[in-house]
């Protein structure tokens, strides 16, 4: 799921004393197991809570398209890089 990383504390005082947080709002993860490719996405819980039902539906449809495209491209690249081993006849 999405994560939040606190600002790094440096030993030296910085020119800008305001803390800056890195927040992962959207995460797309593609993995494979053998020839099976799986693409998933996650959204920061606060953003999900702030979206209306229509916005959530639209985002879900768009992200499903994204994961399909990314997963398909990953699968293509995998097929080009590693030919299938010969089978036993």
C-alpha atoms as a PDB file:
ATOM      1  CA  UNK A   1       0.000   0.000   0.000  1.00  0.00           C
ATOM      2  CA  UNK A   2       1.051   3.638  -0.153  1.00  0.00           C
ATOM      3  CA  UNK A   3       3.585   4.829   2.380  1.00  0.00           C
ATOM      4  CA  UNK A   4       4.678   8.033   4.019  1.00  0.00           C
ATOM      5  CA  UNK A   5       8.321   8.850   4.684  1.00  0.00           C
ATOM      6  CA  UNK A   6       9.279  11.454   7.315  1.00  0.00           C
ATOM      7  CA  UNK A   7      11.842  14.111   6.391  1.00  0.00           C
ATOM      8  CA  UNK A   8      15.508  13.253   6.807  1.00  0.00           C
ATOM      9  CA  UNK A   9      17.107  15.048   9.742  1.00  0.00           C
ATOM     10  CA  UNK A  10      20.516  16.420   8.791  1.00  0.00           C
ATOM     11  CA  UNK A  11      23.278  17.196  11.262  1.00  0.00           C
ATOM     12  CA  UNK A  12      23.801  20.656   9.765  1.00  0.00           C
ATOM     13  CA  UNK A  13      21.058  23.286   9.915  1.00  0.00           C
ATOM     14  CA  UNK A  14      19.458  23.736   6.514  1.00  0.00           C
ATOM     15  CA  UNK A  15      18.779  27.017   4.722  1.00  0.00           C
ATOM     16  CA  UNK A  16      15.067  26.160   4.719  1.00  0.00           C
ATOM     17  CA  UNK A  17      14.035  25.115   8.236  1.00  0.00           C
ATOM     18  CA  UNK A  18      10.610  23.933   7.058  1.00  0.00           C
ATOM     19  CA  UNK A  19      10.310  20.121   7.134  1.00  0.00           C
ATOM     20  CA  UNK A  20       9.409  18.462   3.841  1.00  0.00           C
ATOM     21  CA  UNK A  21       7.641  15.095   3.797  1.00  0.00           C
ATOM     22  CA  UNK A  22       7.801  12.644   0.911  1.00  0.00           C
ATOM     23  CA  UNK A  23       4.388  11.044   0.557  1.00  0.00           C
ATOM     24  CA  UNK A  24       3.650   8.225  -1.860  1.00  0.00           C
ATOM     25  CA  UNK A  25       0.216   9.031  -3.234  1.00  0.00           C
ATOM     26  CA  UNK A  26      -0.033   6.417  -5.950  1.00  0.00           C
ATOM     27  CA  UNK A  27       1.801   3.124  -6.295  1.00  0.00           C
ATOM     28  CA  UNK A  28       1.852   0.722  -9.262  1.00  0.00           C
ATOM     29  CA  UNK A  29       3.503  -2.649  -8.661  1.00  0.00           C
ATOM     30  CA  UNK A  30       4.247  -5.199 -11.390  1.00  0.00           C
ATOM     31  CA  UNK A  31       5.548  -8.629 -10.437  1.00  0.00           C
ATOM     32  CA  UNK A  32       5.990 -11.962 -12.104  1.00  0.00           C
ATOM     33  CA  UNK A  33       6.043 -15.565 -11.068  1.00  0.00           C
ATOM     34  CA  UNK A  34       7.296 -17.716 -13.919  1.00  0.00           C
ATOM     35  CA  UNK A  35       5.339 -16.607 -16.980  1.00  0.00           C
ATOM     36  CA  UNK A  36       2.500 -15.046 -14.930  1.00  0.00           C
ATOM     37  CA  UNK A  37       2.628 -11.244 -14.755  1.00  0.00           C
ATOM     38  CA  UNK A  38       0.598  -9.409 -12.113  1.00  0.00           C
ATOM     39  CA  UNK A  39       0.053  -5.615 -12.014  1.00  0.00           C
ATOM     40  CA  UNK A  40      -1.584  -3.899  -9.034  1.00  0.00           C
ATOM     41  CA  UNK A  41      -2.109  -0.338  -7.892  1.00  0.00           C
ATOM     42  CA  UNK A  42      -2.710   1.379  -4.578  1.00  0.00           C
ATOM     43  CA  UNK A  43      -3.753   4.860  -3.525  1.00  0.00           C
ATOM     44  CA  UNK A  44      -2.980   6.754  -0.326  1.00  0.00           C
ATOM     45  CA  UNK A  45      -5.947   6.201   2.040  1.00  0.00           C
ATOM     46  CA  UNK A  46      -6.520   9.924   2.610  1.00  0.00           C
ATOM     47  CA  UNK A  47      -6.900  10.608  -1.118  1.00  0.00           C
ATOM     48  CA  UNK A  48      -9.339   7.733  -1.417  1.00  0.00           C
ATOM     49  CA  UNK A  49     -11.377   9.195   1.438  1.00  0.00           C
ATOM     50  CA  UNK A  50     -11.371  12.637  -0.220  1.00  0.00           C
ATOM     51  CA  UNK A  51     -12.704  11.378  -3.579  1.00  0.00           C
ATOM     52  CA  UNK A  52     -16.374  11.365  -4.446  1.00  0.00           C
ATOM     53  CA  UNK A  53     -17.955   8.081  -5.564  1.00  0.00           C
ATOM     54  CA  UNK A  54     -17.843   9.212  -9.208  1.00  0.00           C
ATOM     55  CA  UNK A  55     -14.189  10.283  -8.934  1.00  0.00           C
ATOM     56  CA  UNK A  56     -13.283   6.967  -7.261  1.00  0.00           C
ATOM     57  CA  UNK A  57     -15.035   5.047 -10.047  1.00  0.00           C
ATOM     58  CA  UNK A  58     -13.270   7.085 -12.749  1.00  0.00           C
ATOM     59  CA  UNK A  59      -9.882   6.654 -11.068  1.00  0.00           C
ATOM     60  CA  UNK A  60     -10.459   2.907 -10.701  1.00  0.00           C
ATOM     61  CA  UNK A  61     -11.265   2.586 -14.407  1.00  0.00           C
ATOM     62  CA  UNK A  62      -8.208   4.622 -15.423  1.00  0.00           C
ATOM     63  CA  UNK A  63      -5.843   2.754 -13.118  1.00  0.00           C
ATOM     64  CA  UNK A  64      -7.159  -0.604 -14.310  1.00  0.00           C
ATOM     65  CA  UNK A  65      -6.237   0.533 -17.835  1.00  0.00           C
ATOM     66  CA  UNK A  66      -2.786   1.601 -16.607  1.00  0.00           C
ATOM     67  CA  UNK A  67      -2.090  -1.716 -14.895  1.00  0.00           C
ATOM     68  CA  UNK A  68      -3.318  -3.598 -17.979  1.00  0.00           C
ATOM     69  CA  UNK A  69      -0.978  -1.606 -20.246  1.00  0.00           C
ATOM     70  CA  UNK A  70       1.994  -1.886 -17.878  1.00  0.00           C
ATOM     71  CA  UNK A  71       1.391  -5.586 -17.260  1.00  0.00           C
ATOM     72  CA  UNK A  72       1.030  -6.276 -20.999  1.00  0.00           C
ATOM     73  CA  UNK A  73       4.242  -4.387 -21.818  1.00  0.00           C
ATOM     74  CA  UNK A  74       6.106  -6.159 -19.014  1.00  0.00           C
ATOM     75  CA  UNK A  75       4.853  -9.483 -20.372  1.00  0.00           C
ATOM     76  CA  UNK A  76       6.013  -8.563 -23.894  1.00  0.00           C
ATOM     77  CA  UNK A  77       9.466  -7.567 -22.652  1.00  0.00           C
ATOM     78  CA  UNK A  78       9.694 -10.788 -20.669  1.00  0.00           C
ATOM     79  CA  UNK A  79       8.780 -12.836 -23.753  1.00  0.00           C
ATOM     80  CA  UNK A  80      11.466 -11.085 -25.825  1.00  0.00           C
ATOM     81  CA  UNK A  81      14.139 -11.472 -23.150  1.00  0.00           C
ATOM     82  CA  UNK A  82      13.522 -15.081 -22.123  1.00  0.00           C
ATOM     83  CA  UNK A  83      12.295 -17.489 -24.782  1.00  0.00           C
ATOM     84  CA  UNK A  84      10.160 -20.318 -23.450  1.00  0.00           C
ATOM     85  CA  UNK A  85      12.148 -23.475 -22.704  1.00  0.00           C
ATOM     86  CA  UNK A  86      11.594 -26.378 -25.099  1.00  0.00           C
ATOM     87  CA  UNK A  87       8.806 -28.721 -24.041  1.00  0.00           C
ATOM     88  CA  UNK A  88       8.882 -32.494 -23.734  1.00  0.00           C
ATOM     89  CA  UNK A  89       7.087 -34.233 -26.574  1.00  0.00           C
END
